[in-house]
Amino acid sequence: MLAVSLPTAYTLSVALGSLLAMGVAAAVFLPRLDPVGFVKEFLQTDWKYLGVAWIVTNLVNTIAHRFHADRTFTWLVYEFEGPVVAAFQSVTSEPLTLLFTAAYLVGFPTIVLFTYFKLKAHDEREARRYALAYVVLVLIAVPFFVFVPVGIPALYPAVAVKPLIFDVSPIIRAGMLATDTMVKAFPSLHTGLSVLAALYARKAGPRYAATALALAGLIVLSTFYLGIHWITDAAFAVVLVGVAYWVSRRVDPERVLPVPALGGLRPAFLGPDRDTE
């Protein structure tokens, strides 16, 4: 039997869970999806936008791991908001912990990535603006991760918050500790990117918009309940979402990442209501 490390098992579990969730979302929200056409369009255009988003995300994680101030500013956040976040653990249970863990680990990548494809089914331009907003949001978070590192509430002794997500499974504990510094809580990208997805989901039909809003809310709550983020982290992330959204509405994604022509063919914009509800 092929043995894998706990961090690898964590990565595979999150990836497979997210793919399954996106498959369910596609069946519900994109029932007329043409698999062949989907792959063709992905190879023509989507790889570029999603690829840049992936590269930027990994670059930010690398920078946050290798370069950050020697001291953290967790004490400052605690002085500002106190132990308020501990109230989210006033009532805990195993089913609730499992629900919020699933939202945090699987719901988050699902809403962030699937929103792109749902938008694309309605209006390609909006999908590309969303991708641009994603990149802008992640990039403007970098200076805070580097110069104002803040630890998670669950690892700060002064506040009575437990790292509930670590207790779900040793795989999750090992995986998260191997892939996250635990000192880049401010701002919360889980909050920011989820809120950004919900914001753009309004342009992808009312049914999906309502679903994305509910899932985004669940993800934000999960960051508090599981002891991963402070209220300040989430509040400031929402401010940065406003900046990223403003930029994405005023900068043409085509100028930043022009769509390449493959084989002399350039995919045409199909306009709104390509997939109606």
C-alpha atoms as a PDB file:
ATOM      1  CA  MET A   1       0.000   0.000   0.000  1.00  0.00           C
ATOM      2  CA  LEU A   2       1.324   3.428  -0.951  1.00  0.00           C
ATOM      3  CA  ALA A   3       1.839   5.510   2.180  1.00  0.00           C
ATOM      4  CA  VAL A   4       1.341   9.265   2.035  1.00  0.00           C
ATOM      5  CA  SER A   5       2.220  11.899   4.587  1.00  0.00           C
ATOM      6  CA  LEU A   6      -0.482  13.587   6.632  1.00  0.00           C
ATOM      7  CA  PRO A   7      -0.045  16.949   4.829  1.00  0.00           C
ATOM      8  CA  THR A   8      -0.370  15.174   1.471  1.00  0.00           C
ATOM      9  CA  ALA A   9      -3.473  13.347   2.670  1.00  0.00           C
ATOM     10  CA  TYR A  10      -4.873  16.710   3.774  1.00  0.00           C
ATOM     11  CA  THR A  11      -4.240  18.305   0.375  1.00  0.00           C
ATOM     12  CA  LEU A  12      -5.773  15.361  -1.488  1.00  0.00           C
ATOM     13  CA  SER A  13      -8.817  15.271   0.794  1.00  0.00           C
ATOM     14  CA  VAL A  14      -9.534  18.980   0.373  1.00  0.00           C
ATOM     15  CA  ALA A  15      -8.981  18.800  -3.400  1.00  0.00           C
ATOM     16  CA  LEU A  16     -11.245  15.770  -3.866  1.00  0.00           C
ATOM     17  CA  GLY A  17     -13.912  17.201  -1.575  1.00  0.00           C
ATOM     18  CA  SER A  18     -13.874  20.485  -3.470  1.00  0.00           C
ATOM     19  CA  LEU A  19     -14.090  18.746  -6.855  1.00  0.00           C
ATOM     20  CA  LEU A  20     -17.057  16.715  -5.633  1.00  0.00           C
ATOM     21  CA  ALA A  21     -18.771  19.837  -4.305  1.00  0.00           C
ATOM     22  CA  MET A  22     -18.196  21.671  -7.593  1.00  0.00           C
ATOM     23  CA  GLY A  23     -19.594  18.692  -9.475  1.00  0.00           C
ATOM     24  CA  VAL A  24     -22.765  18.895  -7.415  1.00  0.00           C
ATOM     25  CA  ALA A  25     -22.916  22.656  -7.932  1.00  0.00           C
ATOM     26  CA  ALA A  26     -22.532  22.180 -11.693  1.00  0.00           C
ATOM     27  CA  ALA A  27     -25.366  19.650 -11.749  1.00  0.00           C
ATOM     28  CA  VAL A  28     -27.632  22.047  -9.859  1.00  0.00           C
ATOM     29  CA  PHE A  29     -26.688  25.421 -11.331  1.00  0.00           C
ATOM     30  CA  LEU A  30     -25.304  24.473 -14.776  1.00  0.00           C
ATOM     31  CA  PRO A  31     -27.536  21.578 -15.874  1.00  0.00           C
ATOM     32  CA  ARG A  32     -27.008  22.370 -19.566  1.00  0.00           C
ATOM     33  CA  LEU A  33     -23.232  22.375 -19.306  1.00  0.00           C
ATOM     34  CA  ASP A  34     -21.552  20.848 -22.361  1.00  0.00           C
ATOM     35  CA  PRO A  35     -18.464  18.977 -21.050  1.00  0.00           C
ATOM     36  CA  VAL A  36     -16.673  19.067 -24.403  1.00  0.00           C
ATOM     37  CA  GLY A  37     -17.374  22.751 -24.907  1.00  0.00           C
ATOM     38  CA  PHE A  38     -16.377  23.431 -21.294  1.00  0.00           C
ATOM     39  CA  VAL A  39     -12.967  21.808 -21.762  1.00  0.00           C
ATOM     40  CA  LYS A  40     -12.469  23.567 -25.110  1.00  0.00           C
ATOM     41  CA  GLU A  41     -13.227  26.990 -23.675  1.00  0.00           C
ATOM     42  CA  PHE A  42     -11.081  26.281 -20.639  1.00  0.00           C
ATOM     43  CA  LEU A  43      -8.105  25.540 -22.876  1.00  0.00           C
ATOM     44  CA  GLN A  44      -8.824  28.621 -24.990  1.00  0.00           C
ATOM     45  CA  THR A  45      -9.288  31.249 -22.297  1.00  0.00           C
ATOM     46  CA  ASP A  46     -10.014  30.167 -18.741  1.00  0.00           C
ATOM     47  CA  TRP A  47      -6.602  28.641 -18.087  1.00  0.00           C
ATOM     48  CA  LYS A  48      -5.098  32.101 -18.398  1.00  0.00           C
ATOM     49  CA  TYR A  49      -7.313  33.856 -15.875  1.00  0.00           C
ATOM     50  CA  LEU A  50      -7.493  30.983 -13.411  1.00  0.00           C
ATOM     51  CA  GLY A  51      -3.803  30.254 -13.909  1.00  0.00           C
ATOM     52  CA  VAL A  52      -2.796  33.787 -12.998  1.00  0.00           C
ATOM     53  CA  ALA A  53      -5.065  33.653  -9.942  1.00  0.00           C
ATOM     54  CA  TRP A  54      -3.446  30.368  -8.882  1.00  0.00           C
ATOM     55  CA  ILE A  55       0.095  31.695  -9.413  1.00  0.00           C
ATOM     56  CA  VAL A  56      -0.648  34.862  -7.436  1.00  0.00           C
ATOM     57  CA  THR A  57      -2.176  32.855  -4.580  1.00  0.00           C
ATOM     58  CA  ASN A  58       0.809  30.534  -4.345  1.00  0.00           C
ATOM     59  CA  LEU A  59       3.230  33.451  -4.607  1.00  0.00           C
ATOM     60  CA  VAL A  60       1.471  35.224  -1.748  1.00  0.00           C
ATOM     61  CA  ASN A  61       1.602  32.083   0.403  1.00  0.00           C
ATOM     62  CA  THR A  62       5.315  31.690  -0.326  1.00  0.00           C
ATOM     63  CA  ILE A  63       6.031  35.320   0.552  1.00  0.00           C
ATOM     64  CA  ALA A  64       4.000  35.046   3.754  1.00  0.00           C
ATOM     65  CA  HIS A  65       5.929  31.922   4.768  1.00  0.00           C
ATOM     66  CA  ARG A  66       9.410  33.262   4.025  1.00  0.00           C
ATOM     67  CA  PHE A  67       9.134  36.944   4.777  1.00  0.00           C
ATOM     68  CA  HIS A  68       7.335  38.536   7.677  1.00  0.00           C
ATOM     69  CA  ALA A  69       8.184  40.769  10.595  1.00  0.00           C
ATOM     70  CA  ASP A  70       9.957  39.131  13.522  1.00  0.00           C
ATOM     71  CA  ARG A  71       7.253  40.221  15.921  1.00  0.00           C
ATOM     72  CA  THR A  72       3.527  39.756  15.543  1.00  0.00           C
ATOM     73  CA  PHE A  73       0.809  42.295  16.192  1.00  0.00           C
ATOM     74  CA  THR A  74      -1.717  39.884  17.645  1.00  0.00           C
ATOM     75  CA  TRP A  75      -1.608  41.799  20.917  1.00  0.00           C
ATOM     76  CA  LEU A  76      -2.745  44.945  19.121  1.00  0.00           C
ATOM     77  CA  VAL A  77      -5.778  43.223  17.624  1.00  0.00           C
ATOM     78  CA  TYR A  78      -6.605  41.793  21.046  1.00  0.00           C
ATOM     79  CA  GLU A  79      -6.285  45.228  22.627  1.00  0.00           C
ATOM     80  CA  PHE A  80      -8.628  46.611  19.991  1.00  0.00           C
ATOM     81  CA  GLU A  81     -11.425  44.039  20.103  1.00  0.00           C
ATOM     82  CA  GLY A  82     -10.813  42.034  23.263  1.00  0.00           C
ATOM     83  CA  PRO A  83     -12.126  38.465  23.686  1.00  0.00           C
ATOM     84  CA  VAL A  84     -15.295  39.057  21.632  1.00  0.00           C
ATOM     85  CA  VAL A  85     -14.508  36.242  19.201  1.00  0.00           C
ATOM     86  CA  ALA A  86     -14.683  33.734  22.068  1.00  0.00           C
ATOM     87  CA  ALA A  87     -18.466  34.219  22.094  1.00  0.00           C
ATOM     88  CA  PHE A  88     -18.696  32.176  18.891  1.00  0.00           C
ATOM     89  CA  GLN A  89     -17.554  29.130  20.873  1.00  0.00           C
ATOM     90  CA  SER A  90     -20.067  29.634  23.670  1.00  0.00           C
ATOM     91  CA  VAL A  91     -22.051  26.766  22.163  1.00  0.00           C
ATOM     92  CA  THR A  92     -20.090  23.956  20.543  1.00  0.00           C
ATOM     93  CA  SER A  93     -20.948  20.450  19.379  1.00  0.00           C
ATOM     94  CA  GLU A  94     -19.379  17.820  17.172  1.00  0.00           C
ATOM     95  CA  PRO A  95     -21.943  18.194  14.335  1.00  0.00           C
ATOM     96  CA  LEU A  96     -21.508  21.974  14.393  1.00  0.00           C
ATOM     97  CA  THR A  97     -17.731  21.652  14.314  1.00  0.00           C
ATOM     98  CA  LEU A  98     -17.912  19.248  11.367  1.00  0.00           C
ATOM     99  CA  LEU A  99     -20.270  21.601   9.505  1.00  0.00           C
ATOM    100  CA  PHE A 100     -18.022  24.616   9.958  1.00  0.00           C
ATOM    101  CA  THR A 101     -14.902  22.590   9.142  1.00  0.00           C
ATOM    102  CA  ALA A 102     -16.492  21.459   5.862  1.00  0.00           C
ATOM    103  CA  ALA A 103     -17.457  25.046   5.078  1.00  0.00           C
ATOM    104  CA  TYR A 104     -13.957  26.322   5.846  1.00  0.00           C
ATOM    105  CA  LEU A 105     -11.999  23.638   3.976  1.00  0.00           C
ATOM    106  CA  VAL A 106     -14.326  22.642   1.120  1.00  0.00           C
ATOM    107  CA  GLY A 107     -17.012  25.314   0.878  1.00  0.00           C
ATOM    108  CA  PHE A 108     -14.421  28.055   0.516  1.00  0.00           C
ATOM    109  CA  PRO A 109     -12.548  26.781  -2.578  1.00  0.00           C
ATOM    110  CA  THR A 110     -15.867  25.693  -4.063  1.00  0.00           C
ATOM    111  CA  ILE A 111     -17.550  29.108  -3.888  1.00  0.00           C
ATOM    112  CA  VAL A 112     -14.406  30.925  -5.022  1.00  0.00           C
ATOM    113  CA  LEU A 113     -13.790  28.761  -8.102  1.00  0.00           C
ATOM    114  CA  PHE A 114     -17.327  27.782  -9.097  1.00  0.00           C
ATOM    115  CA  THR A 115     -18.471  31.404  -9.066  1.00  0.00           C
ATOM    116  CA  TYR A 116     -16.099  32.054 -11.960  1.00  0.00           C
ATOM    117  CA  PHE A 117     -17.689  29.330 -14.094  1.00  0.00           C
ATOM    118  CA  LYS A 118     -21.221  30.316 -13.105  1.00  0.00           C
ATOM    119  CA  LEU A 119     -20.489  33.904 -14.098  1.00  0.00           C
ATOM    120  CA  LYS A 120     -18.930  32.719 -17.345  1.00  0.00           C
ATOM    121  CA  ALA A 121     -22.165  30.921 -18.218  1.00  0.00           C
ATOM    122  CA  HIS A 122     -23.958  34.280 -17.984  1.00  0.00           C
ATOM    123  CA  ASP A 123     -21.417  36.808 -19.170  1.00  0.00           C
ATOM    124  CA  GLU A 124     -17.737  36.166 -19.920  1.00  0.00           C
ATOM    125  CA  ARG A 125     -16.840  39.764 -19.179  1.00  0.00           C
ATOM    126  CA  GLU A 126     -18.155  39.483 -15.628  1.00  0.00           C
ATOM    127  CA  ALA A 127     -16.211  36.259 -15.078  1.00  0.00           C
ATOM    128  CA  ARG A 128     -13.003  38.009 -16.098  1.00  0.00           C
ATOM    129  CA  ARG A 129     -13.736  41.016 -13.937  1.00  0.00           C
ATOM    130  CA  TYR A 130     -14.256  38.638 -11.031  1.00  0.00           C
ATOM    131  CA  ALA A 131     -10.894  36.981 -11.726  1.00  0.00           C
ATOM    132  CA  LEU A 132      -9.257  40.411 -11.814  1.00  0.00           C
ATOM    133  CA  ALA A 133     -10.884  41.378  -8.510  1.00  0.00           C
ATOM    134  CA  TYR A 134      -9.615  38.120  -6.991  1.00  0.00           C
ATOM    135  CA  VAL A 135      -6.029  38.881  -8.015  1.00  0.00           C
ATOM    136  CA  VAL A 136      -6.241  42.476  -6.784  1.00  0.00           C
ATOM    137  CA  LEU A 137      -7.651  41.411  -3.408  1.00  0.00           C
ATOM    138  CA  VAL A 138      -4.940  38.818  -2.827  1.00  0.00           C
ATOM    139  CA  LEU A 139      -2.166  41.200  -3.878  1.00  0.00           C
ATOM    140  CA  ILE A 140      -3.242  44.074  -1.637  1.00  0.00           C
ATOM    141  CA  ALA A 141      -3.328  41.676   1.315  1.00  0.00           C
ATOM    142  CA  VAL A 142       0.407  40.898   0.920  1.00  0.00           C
ATOM    143  CA  PRO A 143       1.816  43.992   2.693  1.00  0.00           C
ATOM    144  CA  PHE A 144      -0.277  43.207   5.759  1.00  0.00           C
ATOM    145  CA  PHE A 145       0.853  39.569   5.838  1.00  0.00           C
ATOM    146  CA  VAL A 146       4.488  40.679   5.574  1.00  0.00           C
ATOM    147  CA  PHE A 147       4.629  43.789   7.758  1.00  0.00           C
ATOM    148  CA  VAL A 148       1.682  43.284  10.135  1.00  0.00           C
ATOM    149  CA  PRO A 149       1.607  39.542  10.897  1.00  0.00           C
ATOM    150  CA  VAL A 150      -1.221  38.567  13.238  1.00  0.00           C
ATOM    151  CA  GLY A 151      -1.667  35.155  14.824  1.00  0.00           C
ATOM    152  CA  ILE A 152      -4.931  33.245  14.985  1.00  0.00           C
ATOM    153  CA  PRO A 153      -7.126  33.597  18.110  1.00  0.00           C
ATOM    154  CA  ALA A 154      -6.880  29.886  18.956  1.00  0.00           C
ATOM    155  CA  LEU A 155      -3.122  30.188  19.489  1.00  0.00           C
ATOM    156  CA  TYR A 156      -3.251  33.408  21.521  1.00  0.00           C
ATOM    157  CA  PRO A 157      -3.189  32.588  25.262  1.00  0.00           C
ATOM    158  CA  ALA A 158      -5.067  35.704  26.390  1.00  0.00           C
ATOM    159  CA  VAL A 159      -8.313  34.712  24.665  1.00  0.00           C
ATOM    160  CA  ALA A 160     -10.210  31.554  25.588  1.00  0.00           C
ATOM    161  CA  VAL A 161     -10.623  30.170  22.071  1.00  0.00           C
ATOM    162  CA  LYS A 162      -9.922  26.550  21.195  1.00  0.00           C
ATOM    163  CA  PRO A 163      -8.474  25.389  17.845  1.00  0.00           C
ATOM    164  CA  LEU A 164     -11.544  23.242  17.199  1.00  0.00           C
ATOM    165  CA  ILE A 165     -10.571  22.523  13.610  1.00  0.00           C
ATOM    166  CA  PHE A 166      -7.339  20.864  14.770  1.00  0.00           C
ATOM    167  CA  ASP A 167      -9.320  18.420  16.905  1.00  0.00           C
ATOM    168  CA  VAL A 168     -11.415  17.102  14.010  1.00  0.00           C
ATOM    169  CA  SER A 169      -8.602  14.972  12.571  1.00  0.00           C
ATOM    170  CA  PRO A 170      -4.814  14.640  12.860  1.00  0.00           C
ATOM    171  CA  ILE A 171      -4.752  14.940   9.063  1.00  0.00           C
ATOM    172  CA  ILE A 172      -6.330  18.406   9.226  1.00  0.00           C
ATOM    173  CA  ARG A 173      -4.051  19.486  12.038  1.00  0.00           C
ATOM    174  CA  ALA A 174      -0.886  18.338  10.260  1.00  0.00           C
ATOM    175  CA  GLY A 175      -2.031  19.680   6.900  1.00  0.00           C
ATOM    176  CA  MET A 176      -2.937  23.139   8.137  1.00  0.00           C
ATOM    177  CA  LEU A 177       0.209  23.534  10.206  1.00  0.00           C
ATOM    178  CA  ALA A 178       2.292  22.459   7.194  1.00  0.00           C
ATOM    179  CA  THR A 179       0.629  24.844   4.738  1.00  0.00           C
ATOM    180  CA  ASP A 180      -0.133  27.903   6.876  1.00  0.00           C
ATOM    181  CA  THR A 181       2.080  30.088   9.054  1.00  0.00           C
ATOM    182  CA  MET A 182      -0.829  30.791  11.435  1.00  0.00           C
ATOM    183  CA  VAL A 183       0.398  34.401  11.601  1.00  0.00           C
ATOM    184  CA  LYS A 184      -1.327  35.813   8.523  1.00  0.00           C
ATOM    185  CA  ALA A 185      -4.787  36.155   9.981  1.00  0.00           C
ATOM    186  CA  PHE A 186      -5.065  39.859   9.153  1.00  0.00           C
ATOM    187  CA  PRO A 187      -6.842  40.355   6.818  1.00  0.00           C
ATOM    188  CA  SER A 188      -8.967  37.222   6.450  1.00  0.00           C
ATOM    189  CA  LEU A 189      -8.846  36.056   2.839  1.00  0.00           C
ATOM    190  CA  HIS A 190     -11.410  33.372   3.670  1.00  0.00           C
ATOM    191  CA  THR A 191     -13.775  36.230   4.469  1.00  0.00           C
ATOM    192  CA  GLY A 192     -12.617  38.522   1.682  1.00  0.00           C
ATOM    193  CA  LEU A 193     -12.720  36.031  -1.176  1.00  0.00           C
ATOM    194  CA  SER A 194     -16.028  34.519  -0.013  1.00  0.00           C
ATOM    195  CA  VAL A 195     -17.644  37.957   0.204  1.00  0.00           C
ATOM    196  CA  LEU A 196     -16.187  38.862  -3.197  1.00  0.00           C
ATOM    197  CA  ALA A 197     -17.676  35.688  -4.701  1.00  0.00           C
ATOM    198  CA  ALA A 198     -21.069  36.473  -3.151  1.00  0.00           C
ATOM    199  CA  LEU A 199     -20.847  40.043  -4.434  1.00  0.00           C
ATOM    200  CA  TYR A 200     -20.202  38.926  -8.006  1.00  0.00           C
ATOM    201  CA  ALA A 201     -22.719  36.077  -7.709  1.00  0.00           C
ATOM    202  CA  ARG A 202     -25.465  38.713  -7.924  1.00  0.00           C
ATOM    203  CA  LYS A 203     -24.634  38.887 -11.626  1.00  0.00           C
ATOM    204  CA  ALA A 204     -25.163  35.145 -12.100  1.00  0.00           C
ATOM    205  CA  GLY A 205     -28.869  34.814 -11.333  1.00  0.00           C
ATOM    206  CA  PRO A 206     -30.946  35.159  -8.142  1.00  0.00           C
ATOM    207  CA  ARG A 207     -30.901  31.469  -7.162  1.00  0.00           C
ATOM    208  CA  TYR A 208     -27.133  31.185  -7.252  1.00  0.00           C
ATOM    209  CA  ALA A 209     -26.749  34.611  -5.645  1.00  0.00           C
ATOM    210  CA  ALA A 210     -28.828  33.499  -2.643  1.00  0.00           C
ATOM    211  CA  THR A 211     -26.870  30.253  -2.353  1.00  0.00           C
ATOM    212  CA  ALA A 212     -23.499  32.009  -2.585  1.00  0.00           C
ATOM    213  CA  LEU A 213     -24.548  34.567   0.022  1.00  0.00           C
ATOM    214  CA  ALA A 214     -25.604  31.834   2.451  1.00  0.00           C
ATOM    215  CA  LEU A 215     -22.396  29.864   1.891  1.00  0.00           C
ATOM    216  CA  ALA A 216     -20.233  32.979   2.261  1.00  0.00           C
ATOM    217  CA  GLY A 217     -21.962  33.749   5.544  1.00  0.00           C
ATOM    218  CA  LEU A 218     -21.341  30.196   6.756  1.00  0.00           C
ATOM    219  CA  ILE A 219     -17.658  30.431   5.806  1.00  0.00           C
ATOM    220  CA  VAL A 220     -17.216  33.738   7.648  1.00  0.00           C
ATOM    221  CA  LEU A 221     -18.875  32.299  10.772  1.00  0.00           C
ATOM    222  CA  SER A 222     -16.669  29.212  10.508  1.00  0.00           C
ATOM    223  CA  THR A 223     -13.525  31.344  10.787  1.00  0.00           C
ATOM    224  CA  PHE A 224     -14.707  32.648  14.163  1.00  0.00           C
ATOM    225  CA  TYR A 225     -16.161  29.403  15.498  1.00  0.00           C
ATOM    226  CA  LEU A 226     -13.068  27.373  14.593  1.00  0.00           C
ATOM    227  CA  GLY A 227     -10.716  29.933  16.154  1.00  0.00           C
ATOM    228  CA  ILE A 228      -8.979  30.937  12.928  1.00  0.00           C
ATOM    229  CA  HIS A 229      -9.779  34.659  12.644  1.00  0.00           C
ATOM    230  CA  TRP A 230     -10.552  37.737  14.688  1.00  0.00           C
ATOM    231  CA  ILE A 231     -13.524  40.028  14.032  1.00  0.00           C
ATOM    232  CA  THR A 232     -11.015  42.692  12.971  1.00  0.00           C
ATOM    233  CA  ASP A 233      -9.573  40.356  10.327  1.00  0.00           C
ATOM    234  CA  ALA A 234     -12.973  39.890   8.713  1.00  0.00           C
ATOM    235  CA  ALA A 235     -14.007  43.548   8.934  1.00  0.00           C
ATOM    236  CA  PHE A 236     -10.826  44.792   7.293  1.00  0.00           C
ATOM    237  CA  ALA A 237     -11.085  42.089   4.608  1.00  0.00           C
ATOM    238  CA  VAL A 238     -14.515  43.444   3.640  1.00  0.00           C
ATOM    239  CA  VAL A 239     -12.968  46.899   3.239  1.00  0.00           C
ATOM    240  CA  LEU A 240     -10.355  45.435   0.884  1.00  0.00           C
ATOM    241  CA  VAL A 241     -13.130  43.678  -1.057  1.00  0.00           C
ATOM    242  CA  GLY A 242     -14.612  47.111  -1.745  1.00  0.00           C
ATOM    243  CA  VAL A 243     -11.269  48.276  -3.138  1.00  0.00           C
ATOM    244  CA  ALA A 244     -10.812  45.151  -5.295  1.00  0.00           C
ATOM    245  CA  TYR A 245     -14.371  45.389  -6.616  1.00  0.00           C
ATOM    246  CA  TRP A 246     -13.918  49.073  -7.463  1.00  0.00           C
ATOM    247  CA  VAL A 247     -10.729  48.310  -9.400  1.00  0.00           C
ATOM    248  CA  SER A 248     -12.350  45.410 -11.262  1.00  0.00           C
ATOM    249  CA  ARG A 249     -15.188  47.645 -12.453  1.00  0.00           C
ATOM    250  CA  ARG A 250     -12.818  50.317 -13.787  1.00  0.00           C
ATOM    251  CA  VAL A 251     -10.010  48.273 -15.306  1.00  0.00           C
ATOM    252  CA  ASP A 252     -10.595  46.232 -18.438  1.00  0.00           C
ATOM    253  CA  PRO A 253      -9.391  42.640 -17.777  1.00  0.00           C
ATOM    254  CA  GLU A 254      -8.698  42.303 -21.498  1.00  0.00           C
ATOM    255  CA  ARG A 255      -6.016  44.970 -21.227  1.00  0.00           C
ATOM    256  CA  VAL A 256      -4.391  43.218 -18.286  1.00  0.00           C
ATOM    257  CA  LEU A 257      -4.709  39.687 -19.685  1.00  0.00           C
ATOM    258  CA  PRO A 258      -5.694  39.750 -23.355  1.00  0.00           C
ATOM    259  CA  VAL A 259      -7.337  36.545 -24.547  1.00  0.00           C
ATOM    260  CA  PRO A 260      -4.949  34.607 -26.787  1.00  0.00           C
ATOM    261  CA  ALA A 261      -5.953  33.460 -30.248  1.00  0.00           C
ATOM    262  CA  LEU A 262      -5.447  29.714 -30.673  1.00  0.00           C
ATOM    263  CA  GLY A 263      -5.343  28.350 -34.188  1.00  0.00           C
ATOM    264  CA  GLY A 264      -6.486  31.688 -35.534  1.00  0.00           C
ATOM    265  CA  LEU A 265      -9.717  31.478 -33.539  1.00  0.00           C
ATOM    266  CA  ARG A 266     -10.615  33.837 -30.755  1.00  0.00           C
ATOM    267  CA  PRO A 267     -13.623  32.864 -28.605  1.00  0.00           C
ATOM    268  CA  ALA A 268     -16.435  35.367 -28.874  1.00  0.00           C
ATOM    269  CA  PHE A 269     -18.185  36.971 -25.944  1.00  0.00           C
ATOM    270  CA  LEU A 270     -21.601  35.393 -25.694  1.00  0.00           C
ATOM    271  CA  GLY A 271     -23.199  38.143 -23.684  1.00  0.00           C
ATOM    272  CA  PRO A 272     -25.591  37.949 -20.727  1.00  0.00           C
ATOM    273  CA  ASP A 273     -28.191  35.254 -20.021  1.00  0.00           C
ATOM    274  CA  ARG A 274     -26.184  32.547 -21.717  1.00  0.00           C
ATOM    275  CA  ASP A 275     -27.468  30.324 -18.929  1.00  0.00           C
ATOM    276  CA  THR A 276     -30.757  31.563 -17.579  1.00  0.00           C
ATOM    277  CA  GLU A 277     -32.544  30.430 -14.449  1.00  0.00           C
END
